[in-house]
Amino acid sequence: MDHSFPKELRLTHKKDIDHLFEKGQRLKSHPFVILYEDITPKRGIPFKLLISVPKRNFKRAVDRNYLKRCIREIVRRNKELLTKGDDKTLCIAILYSFKTKLEFSRLEEGLLNGLKKIHS
């Protein structure tokens, strides 16, 4: 499988984001809250991802960017967990809901547990 993370895999349209926050299913996997929903297919794109780290909890942009980079790397390495066999596109919002920075291994453990719950 291709291990890149192209721009087309990012959830950017306000309409899609609003719809996801209104109608999407929500699950918690410490330290994340994950919202997800199947939508109509978009040109063979398996999933679209939004990553959010709140400024309220991390005042320094360096810390927010570090966490977003780590989350993006975890998703990039484990894309096969997000690709479904059918012709649907999975919209996912990953919200970091903890007040302190965690190390990469704990982030990976929490995120992978949450992504596995999506398909079960």
PDB file of N, CA and C in Angstrom:
ATOM      1  N   MET A   1       0.832  -1.182   0.000  1.00  0.00           N
ATOM      2  CA  MET A   1       0.000   0.000   0.000  1.00  0.00           C
ATOM      3  C   MET A   1       0.879   1.248   0.000  1.00  0.00           C
ATOM      4  N   ASP A   2       0.404   2.262  -0.668  1.00  0.00           N
ATOM      5  CA  ASP A   2       1.094   3.537  -0.742  1.00  0.00           C
ATOM      6  C   ASP A   2       1.093   4.193   0.636  1.00  0.00           C
ATOM      7  N   HIS A   3       2.240   4.640   1.108  1.00  0.00           N
ATOM      8  CA  HIS A   3       2.332   5.232   2.439  1.00  0.00           C
ATOM      9  C   HIS A   3       2.415   6.752   2.417  1.00  0.00           C
ATOM     10  N   SER A   4       1.940   7.368   1.350  1.00  0.00           N
ATOM     11  CA  SER A   4       1.939   8.829   1.303  1.00  0.00           C
ATOM     12  C   SER A   4       0.642   9.351   1.922  1.00  0.00           C
ATOM     13  N   PHE A   5       0.577  10.638   2.151  1.00  0.00           N
ATOM     14  CA  PHE A   5      -0.635  11.275   2.679  1.00  0.00           C
ATOM     15  C   PHE A   5      -0.930  12.507   1.835  1.00  0.00           C
ATOM     16  N   PRO A   6      -1.527  12.293   0.645  1.00  0.00           N
ATOM     17  CA  PRO A   6      -1.758  13.423  -0.264  1.00  0.00           C
ATOM     18  C   PRO A   6      -2.837  14.378   0.246  1.00  0.00           C
ATOM     19  N   LYS A   7      -2.869  15.538  -0.331  1.00  0.00           N
ATOM     20  CA  LYS A   7      -3.784  16.584   0.086  1.00  0.00           C
ATOM     21  C   LYS A   7      -5.253  16.195  -0.123  1.00  0.00           C
ATOM     22  N   GLU A   8      -5.523  15.342  -1.092  1.00  0.00           N
ATOM     23  CA  GLU A   8      -6.907  14.947  -1.373  1.00  0.00           C
ATOM     24  C   GLU A   8      -7.523  14.118  -0.245  1.00  0.00           C
ATOM     25  N   LEU A   9      -6.725  13.630   0.687  1.00  0.00           N
ATOM     26  CA  LEU A   9      -7.242  12.866   1.820  1.00  0.00           C
ATOM     27  C   LEU A   9      -7.623  13.759   3.003  1.00  0.00           C
ATOM     28  N   ARG A  10      -7.504  15.058   2.858  1.00  0.00           N
ATOM     29  CA  ARG A  10      -7.853  15.978   3.934  1.00  0.00           C
ATOM     30  C   ARG A  10      -9.291  16.468   3.782  1.00  0.00           C
ATOM     31  N   LEU A  11      -9.999  16.509   4.873  1.00  0.00           N
ATOM     32  CA  LEU A  11     -11.372  17.006   4.893  1.00  0.00           C
ATOM     33  C   LEU A  11     -11.306  18.520   5.061  1.00  0.00           C
ATOM     34  N   THR A  12     -11.696  19.249   4.020  1.00  0.00           N
ATOM     35  CA  THR A  12     -11.523  20.700   4.049  1.00  0.00           C
ATOM     36  C   THR A  12     -12.804  21.498   3.812  1.00  0.00           C
ATOM     37  N   HIS A  13     -13.813  20.921   3.181  1.00  0.00           N
ATOM     38  CA  HIS A  13     -15.018  21.678   2.839  1.00  0.00           C
ATOM     39  C   HIS A  13     -15.894  21.900   4.069  1.00  0.00           C
ATOM     40  N   LYS A  14     -16.261  23.139   4.305  1.00  0.00           N
ATOM     41  CA  LYS A  14     -17.052  23.499   5.478  1.00  0.00           C
ATOM     42  C   LYS A  14     -18.367  22.739   5.520  1.00  0.00           C
ATOM     43  N   LYS A  15     -18.987  22.546   4.384  1.00  0.00           N
ATOM     44  CA  LYS A  15     -20.264  21.819   4.320  1.00  0.00           C
ATOM     45  C   LYS A  15     -20.097  20.380   4.820  1.00  0.00           C
ATOM     46  N   ASP A  16     -19.034  19.713   4.387  1.00  0.00           N
ATOM     47  CA  ASP A  16     -18.767  18.339   4.822  1.00  0.00           C
ATOM     48  C   ASP A  16     -18.425  18.283   6.311  1.00  0.00           C
ATOM     49  N   ILE A  17     -17.671  19.254   6.793  1.00  0.00           N
ATOM     50  CA  ILE A  17     -17.291  19.295   8.209  1.00  0.00           C
ATOM     51  C   ILE A  17     -18.525  19.514   9.081  1.00  0.00           C
ATOM     52  N   ASP A  18     -19.378  20.459   8.703  1.00  0.00           N
ATOM     53  CA  ASP A  18     -20.598  20.719   9.466  1.00  0.00           C
ATOM     54  C   ASP A  18     -21.494  19.488   9.494  1.00  0.00           C
ATOM     55  N   HIS A  19     -21.630  18.818   8.348  1.00  0.00           N
ATOM     56  CA  HIS A  19     -22.453  17.616   8.271  1.00  0.00           C
ATOM     57  C   HIS A  19     -21.890  16.519   9.169  1.00  0.00           C
ATOM     58  N   LEU A  20     -20.584  16.369   9.194  1.00  0.00           N
ATOM     59  CA  LEU A  20     -19.943  15.365  10.038  1.00  0.00           C
ATOM     60  C   LEU A  20     -20.198  15.640  11.515  1.00  0.00           C
ATOM     61  N   PHE A  21     -20.090  16.902  11.945  1.00  0.00           N
ATOM     62  CA  PHE A  21     -20.296  17.235  13.348  1.00  0.00           C
ATOM     63  C   PHE A  21     -21.767  17.127  13.746  1.00  0.00           C
ATOM     64  N   GLU A  22     -22.696  17.303  12.805  1.00  0.00           N
ATOM     65  CA  GLU A  22     -24.120  17.182  13.099  1.00  0.00           C
ATOM     66  C   GLU A  22     -24.584  15.724  13.118  1.00  0.00           C
ATOM     67  N   LYS A  23     -24.227  14.961  12.101  1.00  0.00           N
ATOM     68  CA  LYS A  23     -24.793  13.633  11.906  1.00  0.00           C
ATOM     69  C   LYS A  23     -23.831  12.479  12.143  1.00  0.00           C
ATOM     70  N   GLY A  24     -22.551  12.759  12.338  1.00  0.00           N
ATOM     71  CA  GLY A  24     -21.558  11.701  12.467  1.00  0.00           C
ATOM     72  C   GLY A  24     -21.640  10.959  13.786  1.00  0.00           C
ATOM     73  N   GLN A  25     -21.150   9.735  13.786  1.00  0.00           N
ATOM     74  CA  GLN A  25     -21.078   8.945  15.005  1.00  0.00           C
ATOM     75  C   GLN A  25     -19.828   9.344  15.771  1.00  0.00           C
ATOM     76  N   ARG A  26     -19.923   9.255  17.091  1.00  0.00           N
ATOM     77  CA  ARG A  26     -18.843   9.724  17.948  1.00  0.00           C
ATOM     78  C   ARG A  26     -18.371   8.586  18.844  1.00  0.00           C
ATOM     79  N   LEU A  27     -17.058   8.457  18.959  1.00  0.00           N
ATOM     80  CA  LEU A  27     -16.513   7.496  19.919  1.00  0.00           C
ATOM     81  C   LEU A  27     -15.302   8.099  20.601  1.00  0.00           C
ATOM     82  N   LYS A  28     -15.045   7.623  21.818  1.00  0.00           N
ATOM     83  CA  LYS A  28     -13.917   8.127  22.592  1.00  0.00           C
ATOM     84  C   LYS A  28     -12.878   7.037  22.737  1.00  0.00           C
ATOM     85  N   SER A  29     -11.651   7.424  22.526  1.00  0.00           N
ATOM     86  CA  SER A  29     -10.512   6.539  22.719  1.00  0.00           C
ATOM     87  C   SER A  29      -9.394   7.424  23.260  1.00  0.00           C
ATOM     88  N   HIS A  30      -9.168   7.338  24.556  1.00  0.00           N
ATOM     89  CA  HIS A  30      -8.244   8.254  25.227  1.00  0.00           C
ATOM     90  C   HIS A  30      -6.917   8.373  24.472  1.00  0.00           C
ATOM     91  N   PRO A  31      -6.468   9.530  24.139  1.00  0.00           N
ATOM     92  CA  PRO A  31      -6.890  10.892  24.447  1.00  0.00           C
ATOM     93  C   PRO A  31      -7.663  11.555  23.300  1.00  0.00           C
ATOM     94  N   PHE A  32      -8.368  10.781  22.507  1.00  0.00           N
ATOM     95  CA  PHE A  32      -9.032  11.309  21.312  1.00  0.00           C
ATOM     96  C   PHE A  32     -10.551  11.160  21.381  1.00  0.00           C
ATOM     97  N   VAL A  33     -11.224  12.063  20.691  1.00  0.00           N
ATOM     98  CA  VAL A  33     -12.629  11.898  20.349  1.00  0.00           C
ATOM     99  C   VAL A  33     -12.640  11.788  18.826  1.00  0.00           C
ATOM    100  N   ILE A  34     -13.265  10.746  18.315  1.00  0.00           N
ATOM    101  CA  ILE A  34     -13.269  10.499  16.878  1.00  0.00           C
ATOM    102  C   ILE A  34     -14.704  10.553  16.376  1.00  0.00           C
ATOM    103  N   LEU A  35     -14.948  11.417  15.390  1.00  0.00           N
ATOM    104  CA  LEU A  35     -16.234  11.476  14.717  1.00  0.00           C
ATOM    105  C   LEU A  35     -16.059  10.858  13.342  1.00  0.00           C
ATOM    106  N   TYR A  36     -17.026  10.065  12.892  1.00  0.00           N
ATOM    107  CA  TYR A  36     -16.903   9.428  11.588  1.00  0.00           C
ATOM    108  C   TYR A  36     -18.271   9.209  10.969  1.00  0.00           C
ATOM    109  N   GLU A  37     -18.271   9.140   9.640  1.00  0.00           N
ATOM    110  CA  GLU A  37     -19.515   8.921   8.897  1.00  0.00           C
ATOM    111  C   GLU A  37     -19.164   8.479   7.482  1.00  0.00           C
ATOM    112  N   ASP A  38     -19.960   7.556   6.950  1.00  0.00           N
ATOM    113  CA  ASP A  38     -19.830   7.162   5.551  1.00  0.00           C
ATOM    114  C   ASP A  38     -20.605   8.153   4.698  1.00  0.00           C
ATOM    115  N   ILE A  39     -20.003   8.586   3.604  1.00  0.00           N
ATOM    116  CA  ILE A  39     -20.695   9.484   2.677  1.00  0.00           C
ATOM    117  C   ILE A  39     -20.615   8.886   1.283  1.00  0.00           C
ATOM    118  N   THR A  40     -21.262   9.538   0.339  1.00  0.00           N
ATOM    119  CA  THR A  40     -21.205   9.064  -1.037  1.00  0.00           C
ATOM    120  C   THR A  40     -19.778   9.142  -1.535  1.00  0.00           C
ATOM    121  N   PRO A  41     -19.384   8.240  -2.419  1.00  0.00           N
ATOM    122  CA  PRO A  41     -17.981   8.198  -2.847  1.00  0.00           C
ATOM    123  C   PRO A  41     -17.542   9.463  -3.585  1.00  0.00           C
ATOM    124  N   LYS A  42     -16.283   9.788  -3.399  1.00  0.00           N
ATOM    125  CA  LYS A  42     -15.682  10.940  -4.078  1.00  0.00           C
ATOM    126  C   LYS A  42     -14.480  10.464  -4.878  1.00  0.00           C
ATOM    127  N   ARG A  43     -14.689  10.099  -6.096  1.00  0.00           N
ATOM    128  CA  ARG A  43     -13.629   9.726  -7.052  1.00  0.00           C
ATOM    129  C   ARG A  43     -12.641   8.701  -6.502  1.00  0.00           C
ATOM    130  N   GLY A  44     -13.131   7.687  -5.837  1.00  0.00           N
ATOM    131  CA  GLY A  44     -12.248   6.623  -5.373  1.00  0.00           C
ATOM    132  C   GLY A  44     -11.389   6.970  -4.176  1.00  0.00           C
ATOM    133  N   ILE A  45     -11.745   7.997  -3.443  1.00  0.00           N
ATOM    134  CA  ILE A  45     -10.993   8.377  -2.248  1.00  0.00           C
ATOM    135  C   ILE A  45     -11.518   7.541  -1.085  1.00  0.00           C
ATOM    136  N   PRO A  46     -10.657   6.751  -0.423  1.00  0.00           N
ATOM    137  CA  PRO A  46     -11.138   5.851   0.629  1.00  0.00           C
ATOM    138  C   PRO A  46     -11.583   6.577   1.906  1.00  0.00           C
ATOM    139  N   PHE A  47     -10.920   7.681   2.260  1.00  0.00           N
ATOM    140  CA  PHE A  47     -11.295   8.422   3.462  1.00  0.00           C
ATOM    141  C   PHE A  47     -10.837   9.864   3.335  1.00  0.00           C
ATOM    142  N   LYS A  48     -11.471  10.733   4.138  1.00  0.00           N
ATOM    143  CA  LYS A  48     -11.071  12.127   4.247  1.00  0.00           C
ATOM    144  C   LYS A  48     -10.920  12.416   5.741  1.00  0.00           C
ATOM    145  N   LEU A  49      -9.831  13.101   6.092  1.00  0.00           N
ATOM    146  CA  LEU A  49      -9.445  13.234   7.490  1.00  0.00           C
ATOM    147  C   LEU A  49      -9.326  14.699   7.907  1.00  0.00           C
ATOM    148  N   LEU A  50      -9.807  14.983   9.119  1.00  0.00           N
ATOM    149  CA  LEU A  50      -9.657  16.292   9.753  1.00  0.00           C
ATOM    150  C   LEU A  50      -8.993  16.061  11.103  1.00  0.00           C
ATOM    151  N   ILE A  51      -7.955  16.807  11.405  1.00  0.00           N
ATOM    152  CA  ILE A  51      -7.251  16.697  12.684  1.00  0.00           C
ATOM    153  C   ILE A  51      -7.367  18.031  13.406  1.00  0.00           C
ATOM    154  N   SER A  52      -7.792  17.966  14.675  1.00  0.00           N
ATOM    155  CA  SER A  52      -7.968  19.191  15.442  1.00  0.00           C
ATOM    156  C   SER A  52      -7.300  19.064  16.809  1.00  0.00           C
ATOM    157  N   VAL A  53      -6.472  20.055  17.125  1.00  0.00           N
ATOM    158  CA  VAL A  53      -5.859  20.170  18.448  1.00  0.00           C
ATOM    159  C   VAL A  53      -6.219  21.572  18.936  1.00  0.00           C
ATOM    160  N   PRO A  54      -7.000  21.674  20.023  1.00  0.00           N
ATOM    161  CA  PRO A  54      -7.540  22.981  20.423  1.00  0.00           C
ATOM    162  C   PRO A  54      -6.495  23.963  20.964  1.00  0.00           C
ATOM    163  N   LYS A  55      -6.632  25.183  20.537  1.00  0.00           N
ATOM    164  CA  LYS A  55      -5.755  26.256  20.988  1.00  0.00           C
ATOM    165  C   LYS A  55      -5.992  26.552  22.471  1.00  0.00           C
ATOM    166  N   ARG A  56      -7.180  26.260  22.945  1.00  0.00           N
ATOM    167  CA  ARG A  56      -7.507  26.486  24.355  1.00  0.00           C
ATOM    168  C   ARG A  56      -6.605  25.657  25.270  1.00  0.00           C
ATOM    169  N   ASN A  57      -6.257  24.439  24.824  1.00  0.00           N
ATOM    170  CA  ASN A  57      -5.428  23.562  25.660  1.00  0.00           C
ATOM    171  C   ASN A  57      -3.931  23.741  25.406  1.00  0.00           C
ATOM    172  N   PHE A  58      -3.569  24.161  24.204  1.00  0.00           N
ATOM    173  CA  PHE A  58      -2.156  24.326  23.836  1.00  0.00           C
ATOM    174  C   PHE A  58      -1.971  25.702  23.224  1.00  0.00           C
ATOM    175  N   LYS A  59      -1.495  26.629  24.026  1.00  0.00           N
ATOM    176  CA  LYS A  59      -1.346  28.009  23.570  1.00  0.00           C
ATOM    177  C   LYS A  59      -0.251  28.160  22.522  1.00  0.00           C
ATOM    178  N   ARG A  60       0.798  27.360  22.624  1.00  0.00           N
ATOM    179  CA  ARG A  60       1.929  27.487  21.703  1.00  0.00           C
ATOM    180  C   ARG A  60       1.663  26.684  20.442  1.00  0.00           C
ATOM    181  N   ALA A  61       1.798  27.324  19.297  1.00  0.00           N
ATOM    182  CA  ALA A  61       1.564  26.673  18.011  1.00  0.00           C
ATOM    183  C   ALA A  61       2.519  25.506  17.791  1.00  0.00           C
ATOM    184  N   VAL A  62       3.701  25.587  18.375  1.00  0.00           N
ATOM    185  CA  VAL A  62       4.689  24.516  18.241  1.00  0.00           C
ATOM    186  C   VAL A  62       4.127  23.209  18.801  1.00  0.00           C
ATOM    187  N   ASP A  63       3.459  23.295  19.936  1.00  0.00           N
ATOM    188  CA  ASP A  63       2.880  22.101  20.560  1.00  0.00           C
ATOM    189  C   ASP A  63       1.717  21.552  19.736  1.00  0.00           C
ATOM    190  N   ARG A  64       0.851  22.439  19.260  1.00  0.00           N
ATOM    191  CA  ARG A  64      -0.287  21.996  18.433  1.00  0.00           C
ATOM    192  C   ARG A  64       0.205  21.342  17.153  1.00  0.00           C
ATOM    193  N   ASN A  65       1.179  21.956  16.511  1.00  0.00           N
ATOM    194  CA  ASN A  65       1.708  21.401  15.258  1.00  0.00           C
ATOM    195  C   ASN A  65       2.394  20.062  15.481  1.00  0.00           C
ATOM    196  N   TYR A  66       3.099  19.920  16.591  1.00  0.00           N
ATOM    197  CA  TYR A  66       3.754  18.644  16.907  1.00  0.00           C
ATOM    198  C   TYR A  66       2.712  17.527  17.026  1.00  0.00           C
ATOM    199  N   LEU A  67       1.638  17.788  17.765  1.00  0.00           N
ATOM    200  CA  LEU A  67       0.609  16.772  17.954  1.00  0.00           C
ATOM    201  C   LEU A  67      -0.081  16.434  16.632  1.00  0.00           C
ATOM    202  N   LYS A  68      -0.368  17.442  15.826  1.00  0.00           N
ATOM    203  CA  LYS A  68      -1.002  17.182  14.521  1.00  0.00           C
ATOM    204  C   LYS A  68      -0.081  16.380  13.611  1.00  0.00           C
ATOM    205  N   ARG A  69       1.202  16.682  13.651  1.00  0.00           N
ATOM    206  CA  ARG A  69       2.167  15.933  12.848  1.00  0.00           C
ATOM    207  C   ARG A  69       2.230  14.473  13.292  1.00  0.00           C
ATOM    208  N   CYS A  70       2.224  14.246  14.590  1.00  0.00           N
ATOM    209  CA  CYS A  70       2.247  12.873  15.114  1.00  0.00           C
ATOM    210  C   CYS A  70       0.996  12.111  14.704  1.00  0.00           C
ATOM    211  N   ILE A  71      -0.166  12.729  14.831  1.00  0.00           N
ATOM    212  CA  ILE A  71      -1.430  12.084  14.457  1.00  0.00           C
ATOM    213  C   ILE A  71      -1.431  11.764  12.972  1.00  0.00           C
ATOM    214  N   ARG A  72      -0.980  12.705  12.153  1.00  0.00           N
ATOM    215  CA  ARG A  72      -0.926  12.486  10.703  1.00  0.00           C
ATOM    216  C   ARG A  72      -0.001  11.328  10.356  1.00  0.00           C
ATOM    217  N   GLU A  73       1.113  11.218  11.051  1.00  0.00           N
ATOM    218  CA  GLU A  73       2.064  10.137  10.813  1.00  0.00           C
ATOM    219  C   GLU A  73       1.465   8.783  11.203  1.00  0.00           C
ATOM    220  N   ILE A  74       0.739   8.731  12.297  1.00  0.00           N
ATOM    221  CA  ILE A  74       0.084   7.489  12.713  1.00  0.00           C
ATOM    222  C   ILE A  74      -0.939   7.057  11.677  1.00  0.00           C
ATOM    223  N   VAL A  75      -1.724   7.984  11.190  1.00  0.00           N
ATOM    224  CA  VAL A  75      -2.727   7.664  10.171  1.00  0.00           C
ATOM    225  C   VAL A  75      -2.045   7.241   8.874  1.00  0.00           C
ATOM    226  N   ARG A  76      -0.992   7.922   8.506  1.00  0.00           N
ATOM    227  CA  ARG A  76      -0.283   7.594   7.267  1.00  0.00           C
ATOM    228  C   ARG A  76       0.257   6.171   7.309  1.00  0.00           C
ATOM    229  N   ARG A  77       0.802   5.773   8.447  1.00  0.00           N
ATOM    230  CA  ARG A  77       1.353   4.428   8.579  1.00  0.00           C
ATOM    231  C   ARG A  77       0.283   3.334   8.604  1.00  0.00           C
ATOM    232  N   ASN A  78      -0.927   3.694   9.009  1.00  0.00           N
ATOM    233  CA  ASN A  78      -1.981   2.699   9.213  1.00  0.00           C
ATOM    234  C   ASN A  78      -3.209   2.981   8.354  1.00  0.00           C
ATOM    235  N   LYS A  79      -2.991   3.360   7.123  1.00  0.00           N
ATOM    236  CA  LYS A  79      -4.088   3.681   6.208  1.00  0.00           C
ATOM    237  C   LYS A  79      -5.038   2.514   5.993  1.00  0.00           C
ATOM    238  N   GLU A  80      -4.510   1.293   6.041  1.00  0.00           N
ATOM    239  CA  GLU A  80      -5.346   0.131   5.745  1.00  0.00           C
ATOM    240  C   GLU A  80      -6.488  -0.024   6.749  1.00  0.00           C
ATOM    241  N   LEU A  81      -6.359   0.556   7.958  1.00  0.00           N
ATOM    242  CA  LEU A  81      -7.449   0.501   8.926  1.00  0.00           C
ATOM    243  C   LEU A  81      -8.621   1.387   8.509  1.00  0.00           C
ATOM    244  N   LEU A  82      -8.360   2.371   7.663  1.00  0.00           N
ATOM    245  CA  LEU A  82      -9.396   3.324   7.278  1.00  0.00           C
ATOM    246  C   LEU A  82     -10.022   3.034   5.922  1.00  0.00           C
ATOM    247  N   THR A  83      -9.431   2.163   5.149  1.00  0.00           N
ATOM    248  CA  THR A  83      -9.981   1.857   3.836  1.00  0.00           C
ATOM    249  C   THR A  83     -11.002   0.745   3.976  1.00  0.00           C
ATOM    250  N   LYS A  84     -12.212   1.026   3.530  1.00  0.00           N
ATOM    251  CA  LYS A  84     -13.273   0.025   3.559  1.00  0.00           C
ATOM    252  C   LYS A  84     -13.346  -0.643   2.202  1.00  0.00           C
ATOM    253  N   GLY A  85     -13.915  -1.826   2.179  1.00  0.00           N
ATOM    254  CA  GLY A  85     -13.994  -2.570   0.933  1.00  0.00           C
ATOM    255  C   GLY A  85     -15.046  -2.040  -0.022  1.00  0.00           C
ATOM    256  N   ASP A  86     -16.078  -1.390   0.496  1.00  0.00           N
ATOM    257  CA  ASP A  86     -17.159  -0.916  -0.375  1.00  0.00           C
ATOM    258  C   ASP A  86     -16.815   0.419  -1.020  1.00  0.00           C
ATOM    259  N   ASP A  87     -17.755   0.967  -1.741  1.00  0.00           N
ATOM    260  CA  ASP A  87     -17.512   2.194  -2.504  1.00  0.00           C
ATOM    261  C   ASP A  87     -17.921   3.453  -1.744  1.00  0.00           C
ATOM    262  N   LYS A  88     -17.743   3.454  -0.460  1.00  0.00           N
ATOM    263  CA  LYS A  88     -18.069   4.626   0.343  1.00  0.00           C
ATOM    264  C   LYS A  88     -16.786   5.347   0.746  1.00  0.00           C
ATOM    265  N   THR A  89     -16.929   6.637   0.981  1.00  0.00           N
ATOM    266  CA  THR A  89     -15.831   7.436   1.506  1.00  0.00           C
ATOM    267  C   THR A  89     -16.106   7.659   2.985  1.00  0.00           C
ATOM    268  N   LEU A  90     -15.130   7.417   3.817  1.00  0.00           N
ATOM    269  CA  LEU A  90     -15.262   7.574   5.251  1.00  0.00           C
ATOM    270  C   LEU A  90     -14.728   8.949   5.637  1.00  0.00           C
ATOM    271  N   CYS A  91     -15.586   9.791   6.212  1.00  0.00           N
ATOM    272  CA  CYS A  91     -15.150  11.097   6.714  1.00  0.00           C
ATOM    273  C   CYS A  91     -14.834  10.942   8.195  1.00  0.00           C
ATOM    274  N   ILE A  92     -13.661  11.403   8.600  1.00  0.00           N
ATOM    275  CA  ILE A  92     -13.201  11.223   9.973  1.00  0.00           C
ATOM    276  C   ILE A  92     -12.675  12.544  10.511  1.00  0.00           C
ATOM    277  N   ALA A  93     -13.070  12.878  11.739  1.00  0.00           N
ATOM    278  CA  ALA A  93     -12.498  14.015  12.457  1.00  0.00           C
ATOM    279  C   ALA A  93     -11.852  13.467  13.719  1.00  0.00           C
ATOM    280  N   ILE A  94     -10.570  13.729  13.887  1.00  0.00           N
ATOM    281  CA  ILE A  94      -9.846  13.282  15.075  1.00  0.00           C
ATOM    282  C   ILE A  94      -9.584  14.520  15.931  1.00  0.00           C
ATOM    283  N   LEU A  95     -10.180  14.545  17.119  1.00  0.00           N
ATOM    284  CA  LEU A  95     -10.061  15.679  18.018  1.00  0.00           C
ATOM    285  C   LEU A  95      -9.215  15.259  19.220  1.00  0.00           C
ATOM    286  N   TYR A  96      -8.142  15.961  19.466  1.00  0.00           N
ATOM    287  CA  TYR A  96      -7.284  15.672  20.605  1.00  0.00           C
ATOM    288  C   TYR A  96      -7.908  16.327  21.831  1.00  0.00           C
ATOM    289  N   SER A  97      -8.279  15.530  22.843  1.00  0.00           N
ATOM    290  CA  SER A  97      -9.055  16.063  23.961  1.00  0.00           C
ATOM    291  C   SER A  97      -8.334  15.988  25.298  1.00  0.00           C
ATOM    292  N   PHE A  98      -7.025  15.990  25.287  1.00  0.00           N
ATOM    293  CA  PHE A  98      -6.247  15.897  26.517  1.00  0.00           C
ATOM    294  C   PHE A  98      -5.515  17.216  26.704  1.00  0.00           C
ATOM    295  N   LYS A  99      -5.206  17.567  27.934  1.00  0.00           N
ATOM    296  CA  LYS A  99      -4.621  18.879  28.195  1.00  0.00           C
ATOM    297  C   LYS A  99      -3.097  18.905  28.200  1.00  0.00           C
ATOM    298  N   THR A 100      -2.455  17.734  28.098  1.00  0.00           N
ATOM    299  CA  THR A 100      -0.997  17.694  28.063  1.00  0.00           C
ATOM    300  C   THR A 100      -0.536  16.891  26.854  1.00  0.00           C
ATOM    301  N   LYS A 101       0.709  17.146  26.453  1.00  0.00           N
ATOM    302  CA  LYS A 101       1.287  16.391  25.333  1.00  0.00           C
ATOM    303  C   LYS A 101       1.643  14.998  25.821  1.00  0.00           C
ATOM    304  N   LEU A 102       1.293  13.999  25.011  1.00  0.00           N
ATOM    305  CA  LEU A 102       1.672  12.620  25.315  1.00  0.00           C
ATOM    306  C   LEU A 102       2.776  12.199  24.359  1.00  0.00           C
ATOM    307  N   GLU A 103       3.504  11.171  24.733  1.00  0.00           N
ATOM    308  CA  GLU A 103       4.547  10.670  23.854  1.00  0.00           C
ATOM    309  C   GLU A 103       3.917   9.920  22.678  1.00  0.00           C
ATOM    310  N   PHE A 104       4.690   9.775  21.623  1.00  0.00           N
ATOM    311  CA  PHE A 104       4.203   9.203  20.366  1.00  0.00           C
ATOM    312  C   PHE A 104       3.587   7.821  20.552  1.00  0.00           C
ATOM    313  N   SER A 105       4.213   6.961  21.344  1.00  0.00           N
ATOM    314  CA  SER A 105       3.716   5.590  21.512  1.00  0.00           C
ATOM    315  C   SER A 105       2.334   5.568  22.161  1.00  0.00           C
ATOM    316  N   ARG A 106       2.075   6.457  23.123  1.00  0.00           N
ATOM    317  CA  ARG A 106       0.748   6.515  23.757  1.00  0.00           C
ATOM    318  C   ARG A 106      -0.280   7.098  22.813  1.00  0.00           C
ATOM    319  N   LEU A 107       0.126   8.066  21.997  1.00  0.00           N
ATOM    320  CA  LEU A 107      -0.784   8.608  20.984  1.00  0.00           C
ATOM    321  C   LEU A 107      -1.172   7.517  19.990  1.00  0.00           C
ATOM    322  N   GLU A 108      -0.170   6.768  19.554  1.00  0.00           N
ATOM    323  CA  GLU A 108      -0.408   5.702  18.578  1.00  0.00           C
ATOM    324  C   GLU A 108      -1.339   4.633  19.151  1.00  0.00           C
ATOM    325  N   GLU A 109      -1.127   4.245  20.373  1.00  0.00           N
ATOM    326  CA  GLU A 109      -1.954   3.227  21.011  1.00  0.00           C
ATOM    327  C   GLU A 109      -3.415   3.677  21.089  1.00  0.00           C
ATOM    328  N   GLY A 110      -3.647   4.907  21.540  1.00  0.00           N
ATOM    329  CA  GLY A 110      -5.006   5.424  21.665  1.00  0.00           C
ATOM    330  C   GLY A 110      -5.699   5.583  20.327  1.00  0.00           C
ATOM    331  N   LEU A 111      -4.979   6.095  19.347  1.00  0.00           N
ATOM    332  CA  LEU A 111      -5.574   6.314  18.033  1.00  0.00           C
ATOM    333  C   LEU A 111      -5.878   5.002  17.322  1.00  0.00           C
ATOM    334  N   LEU A 112      -4.975   4.039  17.404  1.00  0.00           N
ATOM    335  CA  LEU A 112      -5.213   2.744  16.750  1.00  0.00           C
ATOM    336  C   LEU A 112      -6.389   2.008  17.382  1.00  0.00           C
ATOM    337  N   ASN A 113      -6.545   2.117  18.709  1.00  0.00           N
ATOM    338  CA  ASN A 113      -7.715   1.520  19.370  1.00  0.00           C
ATOM    339  C   ASN A 113      -9.000   2.146  18.846  1.00  0.00           C
ATOM    340  N   GLY A 114      -9.010   3.454  18.683  1.00  0.00           N
ATOM    341  CA  GLY A 114     -10.186   4.146  18.169  1.00  0.00           C
ATOM    342  C   GLY A 114     -10.487   3.793  16.731  1.00  0.00           C
ATOM    343  N   LEU A 115      -9.462   3.708  15.892  1.00  0.00           N
ATOM    344  CA  LEU A 115      -9.678   3.387  14.474  1.00  0.00           C
ATOM    345  C   LEU A 115     -10.176   1.952  14.299  1.00  0.00           C
ATOM    346  N   LYS A 116      -9.747   1.053  15.167  1.00  0.00           N
ATOM    347  CA  LYS A 116     -10.235  -0.322  15.110  1.00  0.00           C
ATOM    348  C   LYS A 116     -11.701  -0.414  15.501  1.00  0.00           C
ATOM    349  N   LYS A 117     -12.137   0.458  16.429  1.00  0.00           N
ATOM    350  CA  LYS A 117     -13.545   0.477  16.859  1.00  0.00           C
ATOM    351  C   LYS A 117     -14.470   0.921  15.723  1.00  0.00           C
ATOM    352  N   ILE A 118     -13.969   1.728  14.812  1.00  0.00           N
ATOM    353  CA  ILE A 118     -14.803   2.220  13.705  1.00  0.00           C
ATOM    354  C   ILE A 118     -15.315   1.061  12.871  1.00  0.00           C
ATOM    355  N   HIS A 119     -14.482   0.061  12.630  1.00  0.00           N
ATOM    356  CA  HIS A 119     -14.873  -1.042  11.756  1.00  0.00           C
ATOM    357  C   HIS A 119     -15.546  -2.187  12.494  1.00  0.00           C
ATOM    358  N   SER A 120     -15.623  -2.119  13.808  1.00  0.00           N
ATOM    359  CA  SER A 120     -16.270  -3.226  14.526  1.00  0.00           C
ATOM    360  C   SER A 120     -17.708  -2.900  14.878  1.00  0.00           C
TER     361      SER A 120
END
